[in-house]
Amino acid sequence: MTRGAASNATNREDGRTGEAPPMALFDAHLHIIDPRFAVTANQGYRPPAFTVADYRAQAGPLGITGGAVVAGSFQGFDPEPIIAAVRALGAGFVGVAQLASETSEEEIARLAVDGLRAVRFNLRRGMCPEPAAILDLAMRAHRVAGWHAELYLDAAELPNLAALVDRLPAVCFDHLGLTRRGLPHLLRQVERGAKVKASGFARLDFPAAEAIRAIVDVDPAAILFGTDLPGTRAPRPFAPEDLEQLAESVGDGTQLRRLLHDNAVALYRPNQVQPD
């Protein structure tokens, strides 16, 4: 698998609070739940609103300068809430949609112009078609728009999904693969070129630092920071202390910058989004 070009990001030199990290951040995993758009209860869960204003209030002090708005299971296969959030957040932000398996090449091309950069398959919440349909849509999206596939699953299931996952042209896994039991399988995917989001720490059944260090040892370009705000269904939402855990996990300042910003910018290409 191959990935995008390197970032041209620069460190923040001013306007920083004492709690903010010493560089710009790209939030590779966030949700916006705009009450103007309908949500559908998934597995009995219907989230409260979390607007662009809510996100800015929490993300602003952290030094976040861009990010990827990710569709949640409760938003179904409608990309419009994601497009609206990307437009409202402005420069530096892109979107990740859940799409119906029959989505056409023309529609994918249109969504790319609107700032979408990936298609998400939520195996964790039962939001996926058959493997053949997943592969067909992922291949089509990669061919037409250069999108990668984002998978939300327990990485312990990867051996059962090898016939699908090993054929994806580009893939990123959510929330560090969730389980310690899945970590060895996740690392094998990283060896093959997969990306992994360092997000949703409270969702894991083991310390996030364990997975972060292991992934960096295999491929320093593979790991991306995400807040997972507002933390729907998580035991707790993101906290600034999670950034400290990230810094302690990698130690090296160059690698921290890659984890917090550069790796994600290379994958999501926010500089290619045209102003509305």
Protein backbone atom coordinates (compact mmCIF):
# COMPACT_ATOMS: atom_id res chain seq x y z
CA MET A 1 0.00 0.00 0.00
CA THR A 2 1.15 3.53 -0.65
CA ARG A 3 0.38 6.82 1.03
CA GLY A 4 0.48 10.56 0.32
CA ALA A 5 3.21 13.17 0.36
CA ALA A 6 4.81 14.74 3.43
CA SER A 7 3.39 17.79 5.22
CA ASN A 8 4.80 21.32 5.02
CA ALA A 9 3.50 22.20 8.48
CA THR A 10 5.32 24.63 10.77
CA ASN A 11 5.44 24.81 14.56
CA ARG A 12 3.23 27.27 16.40
CA GLU A 13 5.35 30.10 17.76
CA ASP A 14 2.73 32.24 19.45
CA GLY A 15 -0.75 32.27 20.92
CA ARG A 16 -0.06 29.12 22.93
CA THR A 17 -1.39 28.44 26.40
CA GLY A 18 0.67 26.59 28.97
CA GLU A 19 -1.43 23.45 28.45
CA ALA A 20 -1.17 23.35 24.65
CA PRO A 21 1.41 21.16 22.93
CA PRO A 22 4.43 22.94 21.35
CA MET A 23 3.21 22.41 17.79
CA ALA A 24 0.12 22.46 15.61
CA LEU A 25 -2.24 19.50 15.89
CA PHE A 26 -4.32 17.73 13.25
CA ASP A 27 -7.26 15.90 14.83
CA ALA A 28 -7.63 12.78 12.69
CA HIS A 29 -10.85 11.61 14.37
CA LEU A 30 -13.70 13.83 15.52
CA HIS A 31 -17.48 13.75 15.28
CA ILE A 32 -19.90 16.63 14.77
CA ILE A 33 -23.53 15.91 15.67
CA ASP A 34 -25.51 18.80 14.22
CA PRO A 35 -29.15 18.87 15.42
CA ARG A 36 -30.20 20.20 12.00
CA PHE A 37 -29.62 16.67 10.65
CA ALA A 38 -31.51 13.60 11.77
CA VAL A 39 -29.71 10.86 13.66
CA THR A 40 -30.81 7.25 13.82
CA ALA A 41 -30.46 5.18 16.96
CA ASN A 42 -27.85 2.47 16.43
CA GLN A 43 -27.89 -0.53 18.76
CA GLY A 44 -30.18 1.54 20.98
CA TYR A 45 -27.85 4.55 21.15
CA ARG A 46 -28.79 8.08 20.06
CA PRO A 47 -26.13 10.72 20.83
CA PRO A 48 -26.70 14.24 22.14
CA ALA A 49 -25.81 17.19 19.93
CA PHE A 50 -22.17 18.18 19.58
CA THR A 51 -21.94 21.18 17.29
CA VAL A 52 -19.07 22.91 15.53
CA ALA A 53 -19.19 25.55 18.27
CA ASP A 54 -18.94 22.84 20.93
CA TYR A 55 -15.94 21.31 19.18
CA ARG A 56 -14.17 24.64 18.77
CA ALA A 57 -14.64 25.38 22.47
CA GLN A 58 -12.84 22.17 23.40
CA ALA A 59 -10.32 21.94 20.56
CA GLY A 60 -9.26 25.58 20.38
CA PRO A 61 -7.13 25.59 23.54
CA LEU A 62 -5.31 22.46 22.35
CA GLY A 63 -3.80 24.14 19.29
CA ILE A 64 -5.78 22.07 16.76
CA THR A 65 -5.48 23.62 13.30
CA GLY A 66 -7.28 20.98 11.21
CA GLY A 67 -8.89 17.59 11.35
CA ALA A 68 -11.05 14.85 9.89
CA VAL A 69 -14.79 14.84 10.66
CA VAL A 70 -15.79 11.18 10.80
CA ALA A 71 -19.30 9.80 10.27
CA GLY A 72 -20.75 7.95 13.24
CA SER A 73 -22.98 4.88 12.99
CA PHE A 74 -25.94 7.02 14.08
CA GLN A 75 -25.51 9.21 10.97
CA GLY A 76 -26.18 6.37 8.55
CA PHE A 77 -25.05 6.65 4.95
CA ASP A 78 -25.86 10.34 4.42
CA PRO A 79 -22.69 12.36 3.70
CA GLU A 80 -24.41 15.74 3.95
CA PRO A 81 -23.89 16.22 7.75
CA ILE A 82 -20.18 15.58 7.23
CA ILE A 83 -19.95 18.01 4.32
CA ALA A 84 -21.78 20.68 6.33
CA ALA A 85 -19.38 20.24 9.25
CA VAL A 86 -16.31 20.45 7.01
CA ARG A 87 -17.61 23.67 5.47
CA ALA A 88 -18.38 25.17 8.88
CA LEU A 89 -15.01 24.24 10.37
CA GLY A 90 -13.21 25.69 7.36
CA ALA A 91 -9.62 25.52 6.21
CA GLY A 92 -7.66 22.51 7.38
CA PHE A 93 -10.66 20.18 7.84
CA VAL A 94 -11.81 17.25 5.72
CA GLY A 95 -14.46 14.54 6.02
CA VAL A 96 -14.81 10.76 6.27
CA ALA A 97 -18.20 9.41 5.19
CA GLN A 98 -20.15 6.20 5.43
CA LEU A 99 -21.60 5.50 2.01
CA ALA A 100 -24.10 3.10 0.53
CA SER A 101 -22.37 0.30 -1.34
CA GLU A 102 -23.96 1.35 -4.64
CA THR A 103 -22.51 4.91 -4.50
CA SER A 104 -21.43 5.81 -8.02
CA GLU A 105 -18.05 7.00 -9.24
CA GLU A 106 -19.63 10.33 -10.14
CA GLU A 107 -20.91 10.80 -6.59
CA ILE A 108 -17.54 9.88 -5.10
CA ALA A 109 -15.86 12.47 -7.33
CA ARG A 110 -18.38 15.10 -6.20
CA LEU A 111 -17.83 14.26 -2.55
CA ALA A 112 -14.07 14.58 -3.01
CA VAL A 113 -14.56 18.12 -4.29
CA ASP A 114 -16.66 18.78 -1.18
CA GLY A 115 -13.72 17.82 1.02
CA LEU A 116 -14.26 14.12 1.74
CA ARG A 117 -11.08 12.06 1.86
CA ALA A 118 -12.07 8.55 2.98
CA VAL A 119 -14.90 6.07 3.32
CA ARG A 120 -15.58 4.45 6.69
CA PHE A 121 -16.75 0.91 7.32
CA ASN A 122 -18.07 0.46 10.84
CA LEU A 123 -17.85 -3.26 11.49
CA ARG A 124 -18.01 -2.61 15.23
CA ARG A 125 -21.55 -1.25 15.04
CA GLY A 126 -22.97 -3.45 12.30
CA MET A 127 -22.93 -0.77 9.62
CA CYS A 128 -21.31 -2.79 6.83
CA PRO A 129 -22.46 -4.71 3.77
CA GLU A 130 -20.94 -8.03 2.73
CA PRO A 131 -17.13 -8.13 2.34
CA ALA A 132 -17.37 -8.19 -1.45
CA ALA A 133 -19.41 -4.97 -1.41
CA ILE A 134 -16.97 -3.33 1.02
CA LEU A 135 -14.05 -4.19 -1.24
CA ASP A 136 -15.86 -3.00 -4.35
CA LEU A 137 -16.71 0.39 -2.83
CA ALA A 138 -13.25 0.83 -1.31
CA MET A 139 -11.55 0.01 -4.60
CA ARG A 140 -13.86 2.35 -6.50
CA ALA A 141 -13.26 5.21 -4.05
CA HIS A 142 -9.50 4.74 -4.17
CA ARG A 143 -9.45 4.59 -7.97
CA VAL A 144 -11.65 7.67 -8.47
CA ALA A 145 -10.54 9.94 -5.61
CA GLY A 146 -7.47 8.39 -3.97
CA TRP A 147 -9.46 7.67 -0.81
CA HIS A 148 -8.41 5.17 1.81
CA ALA A 149 -10.82 2.94 3.74
CA GLU A 150 -11.26 3.47 7.48
CA LEU A 151 -12.19 0.41 9.55
CA TYR A 152 -13.70 0.43 13.02
CA LEU A 153 -13.30 -3.06 14.43
CA ASP A 154 -11.65 -5.15 17.08
CA ALA A 155 -8.27 -5.99 15.55
CA ALA A 156 -8.58 -9.48 17.03
CA GLU A 157 -11.03 -10.10 14.15
CA LEU A 158 -8.44 -9.33 11.48
CA PRO A 159 -7.45 -12.96 10.81
CA ASN A 160 -11.09 -13.69 9.96
CA LEU A 161 -11.16 -10.71 7.59
CA ALA A 162 -7.82 -11.26 5.87
CA ALA A 163 -9.41 -12.03 2.50
CA LEU A 164 -10.95 -8.54 2.58
CA VAL A 165 -8.46 -6.39 4.46
CA ASP A 166 -5.36 -7.66 2.66
CA ARG A 167 -6.88 -6.59 -0.67
CA LEU A 168 -7.74 -3.02 0.34
CA PRO A 169 -5.50 -0.57 -1.54
CA ALA A 170 -5.20 1.79 1.44
CA VAL A 171 -6.53 1.38 4.98
CA CYS A 172 -6.58 3.12 8.36
CA PHE A 173 -7.76 1.51 11.60
CA ASP A 174 -9.65 3.39 14.31
CA HIS A 175 -8.81 3.55 18.01
CA LEU A 176 -5.59 1.50 18.06
CA GLY A 177 -7.52 -1.64 17.17
CA LEU A 178 -9.28 -1.64 20.58
CA THR A 179 -7.80 -4.79 22.18
CA ARG A 180 -4.46 -6.15 23.32
CA ARG A 181 -5.42 -9.48 21.76
CA GLY A 182 -5.70 -7.72 18.41
CA LEU A 183 -2.41 -5.82 18.61
CA PRO A 184 -0.20 -8.45 16.91
CA HIS A 185 -2.67 -8.62 13.99
CA LEU A 186 -2.80 -4.82 13.80
CA LEU A 187 0.99 -4.64 13.67
CA ARG A 188 1.05 -7.06 10.75
CA GLN A 189 -1.23 -4.64 8.89
CA VAL A 190 1.09 -1.76 9.77
CA GLU A 191 3.93 -3.75 8.22
CA ARG A 192 1.82 -3.88 5.05
CA GLY A 193 1.38 -0.09 5.01
CA ALA A 194 -1.76 0.47 7.10
CA LYS A 195 -2.30 3.60 9.20
CA VAL A 196 -3.68 3.58 12.76
CA LYS A 197 -5.43 6.28 14.77
CA ALA A 198 -4.17 6.94 18.29
CA SER A 199 -7.62 7.87 19.55
CA GLY A 200 -10.36 6.70 21.88
CA PHE A 201 -7.96 5.68 24.65
CA ALA A 202 -10.79 4.90 27.08
CA ARG A 203 -12.23 2.40 24.59
CA LEU A 204 -9.16 0.15 24.86
CA ASP A 205 -8.78 -2.87 27.13
CA PHE A 206 -5.05 -2.14 27.56
CA PRO A 207 -2.80 0.92 27.91
CA ALA A 208 -2.68 3.07 24.79
CA ALA A 209 1.06 3.62 25.24
CA GLU A 210 1.70 -0.07 24.63
CA ALA A 211 0.13 0.08 21.17
CA ILE A 212 1.59 3.48 20.29
CA ARG A 213 5.16 2.40 21.00
CA ALA A 214 4.72 -0.85 19.11
CA ILE A 215 3.31 0.89 16.03
CA VAL A 216 6.03 3.54 16.00
CA ASP A 217 8.66 0.80 16.20
CA VAL A 218 7.21 -0.79 13.04
CA ASP A 219 6.51 2.39 11.04
CA PRO A 220 6.82 5.93 12.45
CA ALA A 221 4.64 7.24 9.61
CA ALA A 222 1.74 4.93 10.44
CA ILE A 223 0.20 6.57 13.50
CA LEU A 224 -2.18 9.56 13.67
CA PHE A 225 -3.55 11.49 16.65
CA GLY A 226 -7.30 11.92 17.09
CA THR A 227 -9.38 13.31 19.96
CA ASP A 228 -12.47 11.17 19.20
CA LEU A 229 -14.52 14.10 20.53
CA PRO A 230 -17.19 14.05 21.84
CA GLY A 231 -16.40 10.43 22.76
CA THR A 232 -19.78 8.92 21.92
CA ARG A 233 -20.34 5.71 23.91
CA ALA A 234 -16.80 5.83 25.33
CA PRO A 235 -16.34 5.35 29.11
CA ARG A 236 -14.87 8.85 29.16
CA PRO A 237 -14.19 11.50 26.49
CA PHE A 238 -10.81 12.81 25.40
CA ALA A 239 -8.88 14.76 28.02
CA PRO A 240 -5.79 16.97 27.62
CA GLU A 241 -3.90 14.41 29.71
CA ASP A 242 -4.16 12.07 26.72
CA LEU A 243 -1.76 14.37 24.87
CA GLU A 244 0.71 13.99 27.70
CA GLN A 245 0.43 10.22 27.36
CA LEU A 246 1.17 10.52 23.65
CA ALA A 247 4.24 12.64 24.31
CA GLU A 248 5.51 10.20 26.92
CA SER A 249 4.90 7.27 24.58
CA VAL A 250 7.09 8.53 21.74
CA GLY A 251 9.53 10.82 23.57
CA ASP A 252 11.30 12.14 20.48
CA GLY A 253 10.11 15.59 19.40
CA THR A 254 10.32 14.83 15.69
CA GLN A 255 8.23 11.69 16.06
CA LEU A 256 5.72 13.53 18.25
CA ARG A 257 5.23 16.12 15.54
CA ARG A 258 4.66 13.37 12.99
CA LEU A 259 2.11 11.69 15.25
CA LEU A 260 0.25 14.89 16.14
CA HIS A 261 0.26 16.51 12.72
CA ASP A 262 2.40 15.51 9.78
CA ASN A 263 1.32 11.89 9.29
CA ALA A 264 -2.36 12.83 9.21
CA VAL A 265 -1.86 15.79 6.90
CA ALA A 266 -0.03 13.52 4.47
CA LEU A 267 -2.93 11.05 4.53
CA TYR A 268 -5.88 13.48 4.41
CA ARG A 269 -4.46 16.21 2.13
CA PRO A 270 -6.48 19.10 3.62
CA ASN A 271 -4.58 21.63 1.51
CA GLN A 272 -6.42 20.26 -1.55
CA VAL A 273 -9.85 21.31 -0.26
CA GLN A 274 -11.07 24.36 -2.17
CA PRO A 275 -12.56 27.28 -0.17
CA ASP A 276 -16.35 27.31 -0.26
